[in-house]
Amino acid sequence: MGTDNQHRIRVTISGQEYTLRGPASEDHLREVAQLVDSVMQRIATANPNLDLRRQAVLAALNIADDLVRLQQEYRELLDLLDQQTRSSTTR
């Protein structure tokens, strides 16, 4: 698989520079990096004695929690839509 469709950008997360590369747009990659940086900064502010590794793990847990909750809400909305669709077709 080639890298023809890969975008590559430099970002800063918690004062550390990283190179991100992927098929998503540069704007998307920046938004993802900004989200991670924001969560890590919030954790660092609330827990100033945590080292960078622990901040990163807590940030990952926070973001994963958001993802799991959104996935559950999405499944519930799909179920509701399916029920409404079935209900309207039987009328």
Protein backbone atom coordinates (compact mmCIF):
# COMPACT_ATOMS: atom_id res chain seq x y z
CA MET A 1 0.00 0.00 0.00
CA GLY A 2 1.49 3.33 -1.04
CA THR A 3 1.45 6.66 0.73
CA ASP A 4 -0.10 8.56 -2.20
CA ASN A 5 -3.21 9.52 -0.21
CA GLN A 6 -1.37 10.25 3.01
CA HIS A 7 -1.29 13.68 4.58
CA ARG A 8 1.58 14.54 6.89
CA ILE A 9 1.60 17.37 9.42
CA ARG A 10 3.56 18.45 12.47
CA VAL A 11 1.58 19.08 15.66
CA THR A 12 2.40 19.93 19.27
CA ILE A 13 0.70 18.02 22.06
CA SER A 14 1.58 18.90 25.66
CA GLY A 15 4.69 20.70 24.49
CA GLN A 16 5.96 17.71 22.49
CA GLU A 17 6.17 17.76 18.69
CA TYR A 18 4.73 14.86 16.72
CA THR A 19 4.38 14.08 13.04
CA LEU A 20 0.93 12.79 12.14
CA ARG A 21 0.38 10.93 8.91
CA GLY A 22 -2.82 9.47 7.56
CA PRO A 23 -5.44 9.50 4.83
CA ALA A 24 -7.63 12.03 6.66
CA SER A 25 -7.48 15.69 5.72
CA GLU A 26 -4.90 17.93 7.35
CA ASP A 27 -7.74 19.80 9.07
CA HIS A 28 -9.02 16.54 10.54
CA LEU A 29 -5.56 15.54 11.75
CA ARG A 30 -5.12 18.97 13.37
CA GLU A 31 -8.54 18.72 15.03
CA VAL A 32 -7.69 15.30 16.47
CA ALA A 33 -4.35 16.57 17.78
CA GLN A 34 -6.03 19.65 19.24
CA LEU A 35 -8.57 17.44 21.06
CA VAL A 36 -5.83 15.29 22.56
CA ASP A 37 -3.82 18.36 23.55
CA SER A 38 -6.89 19.97 25.11
CA VAL A 39 -7.75 16.90 27.19
CA MET A 40 -4.14 16.50 28.30
CA GLN A 41 -3.91 20.17 29.27
CA ARG A 42 -7.14 19.89 31.28
CA ILE A 43 -5.76 16.84 33.09
CA ALA A 44 -2.39 18.54 33.69
CA THR A 45 -4.13 21.58 35.16
CA ALA A 46 -6.27 19.46 37.49
CA ASN A 47 -3.35 17.16 38.42
CA PRO A 48 -0.10 19.14 38.15
CA ASN A 49 2.01 16.39 39.75
CA LEU A 50 1.26 13.78 37.06
CA ASP A 51 4.01 12.93 34.63
CA LEU A 52 3.38 13.11 30.89
CA ARG A 53 2.81 9.36 30.54
CA ARG A 54 0.07 9.32 33.19
CA GLN A 55 -1.51 12.42 31.65
CA ALA A 56 -1.56 10.63 28.30
CA VAL A 57 -3.15 7.49 29.78
CA LEU A 58 -5.82 9.53 31.55
CA ALA A 59 -6.45 11.49 28.34
CA ALA A 60 -6.83 8.24 26.42
CA LEU A 61 -9.27 6.95 29.04
CA ASN A 62 -11.32 10.17 28.88
CA ILE A 63 -11.47 10.09 25.09
CA ALA A 64 -12.27 6.36 25.06
CA ASP A 65 -15.07 6.97 27.56
CA ASP A 66 -16.53 9.63 25.25
CA LEU A 67 -16.25 7.22 22.31
CA VAL A 68 -17.97 4.35 24.12
CA ARG A 69 -20.80 6.65 25.27
CA LEU A 70 -21.27 8.01 21.74
CA GLN A 71 -21.27 4.51 20.27
CA GLN A 72 -23.97 3.48 22.75
CA GLU A 73 -26.05 6.57 21.92
CA TYR A 74 -25.59 5.83 18.21
CA ARG A 75 -26.80 2.24 18.65
CA GLU A 76 -29.80 3.48 20.63
CA LEU A 77 -30.65 6.02 17.92
CA LEU A 78 -30.34 3.37 15.22
CA ASP A 79 -32.66 1.09 17.22
CA LEU A 80 -35.16 3.93 17.65
CA LEU A 81 -34.99 4.75 13.94
CA ASP A 82 -35.46 1.09 13.07
CA GLN A 83 -38.49 0.85 15.38
CA GLN A 84 -40.03 4.00 13.91
CA THR A 85 -39.38 2.80 10.37
CA ARG A 86 -41.00 -0.57 11.08
CA SER A 87 -43.89 1.17 12.83
CA SER A 88 -44.56 3.54 9.94
CA THR A 89 -44.43 0.77 7.32
CA THR A 90 -47.04 -1.31 9.18
CA ARG A 91 -49.57 1.53 9.30
